[in-house]
Amino acid sequence: MSELIEIRKQDFVKQDTALESMRESDFDCYSAYGEAIDNSIQAKANDIRLKFIPKGGAPGKIGQLIFADNGIGMDKELLHNCLKLGHSSRYNDRDGIGRFGVGMTLGAIHECRRVEVYSKLNNGSWLWTFIDLDEIKSGELKYIPEPIEKEPSSDPTIGGFAEFIEDSGTVLVWRKYDRQTDSLNNIVEETKFWIGRTFRRFIWGTAKGYDNRVQLMVNGDVIKPFDPLFVNKELTSFEDEPSAELLAPQYIKWPIPSDVRKDYPHLGATSNIKINVSLLPDEYRREKGRGGDDFANKRGINRNEGVSIMRSDREVFYGHIPYATRLNGSGEGDRNLTRFIGCVIDFSPELDREFEVKNIKRGCVPSRDLKLKIIEKLAPTFDTQRDKIRERWRELERIKNESLEDENRNLGIDTNHSETIAKLKNAGINQKVNQSKNKASEEGNKTISKKINPDIKDEDINKLIAQLKDNGVTIVEREFIGDSFIDIEHGNGLKTMIYNTNSEFYKSYSGILEELRRKNKELADDYKVLIDLIFVGYLLAEANIDPNKNTQGIDFINDLRLYWSRQLRDILRGWK
């Protein structure tokens, strides 16, 4: 007798454990927020608002995050399916910024355990549905609930946030937020910047296929766009400042994969990749070392290292392209220079595979062959722009050094070490001098100034002291009696260092310097500055020792060594 074999039906996934596993997708919180904003933009919204609600009793923690838009909304069927992974009314649509149908839900569950959606069509009623990972895990929730009529205004936590939606729109609520990786304040501020850069063309109203400007708000603040090229200043608060110089665009014709051509024959055999490069204006390329000061930070210059890659006018990558040394430069100094060089690469979705676009639109980088082609195109341009930046900085430093030399020379201060004095001054060494524990009185400053210029007239001594304070550290050369090769004085708001030209050290040092200068002047100048900085490091270490503190001999030696090492490390970092 034959046995009947029962064939049991199996789901494609075990949804409770699968959803928990999917929480480990390659999102960060900002790319997760971006997926929700993408949906709002594709729903033709021109007003999109985010609101972070702190967790009760923990103001630095996120309790809930709300997204609201005035888009076209969803009917009951679409709303019922919108949280279903893989479902999208625009699945594989290469004409817009969406495509895969997983982004919004994957992004949401990466950050929180409960997602609720309210939506309404024009002249329709508000409908509501949700998913909750805890209820799915416990078996209480087996299916996405059929939408029911429910207004967001009935939820006290939303509290009228969605009242700006008059005709149609959608409200997305993330609850049970359990994946916070930074403080609430930091996340809010970084979200504002990230959205302004990622969706800049939608804010300007220049994105292809989108006629209207999109206003984006976070916690009531209107988002300002950020252009890595620094060409478009519209809506940035810096409209009256000069724009960057936009170089002639470059293009790469790249083959469209054959299977994509088969599905979309109207696209042709190749697609154009457009590359724009800009050089920030002189007013933004000030002297070396100021790329991260308050002026730069307010304008986002300090955040502008790398390349922006745009897919359908929406940024999908920002940063240094991995393993692209010819482009990024060979060291930190070269990479820092790229903040003054804007670069945007534009491609269309038919090249998604060539740019290795993920279903979460994050971490997109060109495939190996395409990357090599991009580097081949861009590297010479980047090298030229870096040379321009360095040349301008050298000229500014030369002018500044000449001015400082003149000021010192007029007061009888030896100018043989003007380059070192200028570098220390530019590096803000004055602040360390002012924090010195070892210092003289204002009366003592007069004695020190007489050492620097023995011929100074009494009526000019205050001018000399003011100049020494402005220098911070002053280095001169003078012959004096004794075996000491250097004399260090700690004044009030000033430090001086005098090389004894009569010492054996100075004679040997000068001989090496002259021989080196005959062979390589630039290297000799660096050698001279390096020797100065070694001793300035010791000077500042001495300045950290409190002369009134009774310290054991070995402790004093250890403290001095430690301070010297730290001061020298900081000075050398600022020098190169």
Foldseek 3Di string as FASTA:
>chain_A
DDDDDDDDDDDPDLPLVVLVVLLPDPDDLLLLVVLVVQVQVVLLFQEKEKEFDADPPGRQHTFKMKIKTQGQWDDQVCQQCLLPAQDDPCACPQQGDAHGSHRNNSSLSNFFFKKKKWWAGFVGAIWIWIGGSVCVNVVNDDGTDRIDGDDPCVPVVCPCVHVVRDGIIMMMMRGRGDPDDGTPVVVQVVSLQSCQAQQVCLQVCNQPPRRDRHWYYYNRHTRHHAALQQADCPRVVPVVDDGWAKDDKDKDWAAQDPVLCVVPVVVDGTWIKIKIKTFGDDVQLDAPPCCPPPVNVSNVLQVNFAEFEDESSGTLDGHHAPPLCLQCDDDPVSRSLCSRMYMYIYTGSSCCVQQVQDNSSYPGHGDPVVVVVVSVVCSVVSVVSSVVSVVVNVVNLVVVLVVLLVLCVVQPAASPCSSLLSLCLVLVVLVLLQVFLDAAEPVVLLVVLCVRPVPGDPVCSVVSSVSQLSSQEGEEEDADDDADQKDWHRYNSGIYIYGHCPYPVNVVLVVVLVVVCVVPVVVSSVVVSLVVLLVVLLNSLVRRDNPPDDDDPVVVVVSSVVSSVVSSVSSVVSVD
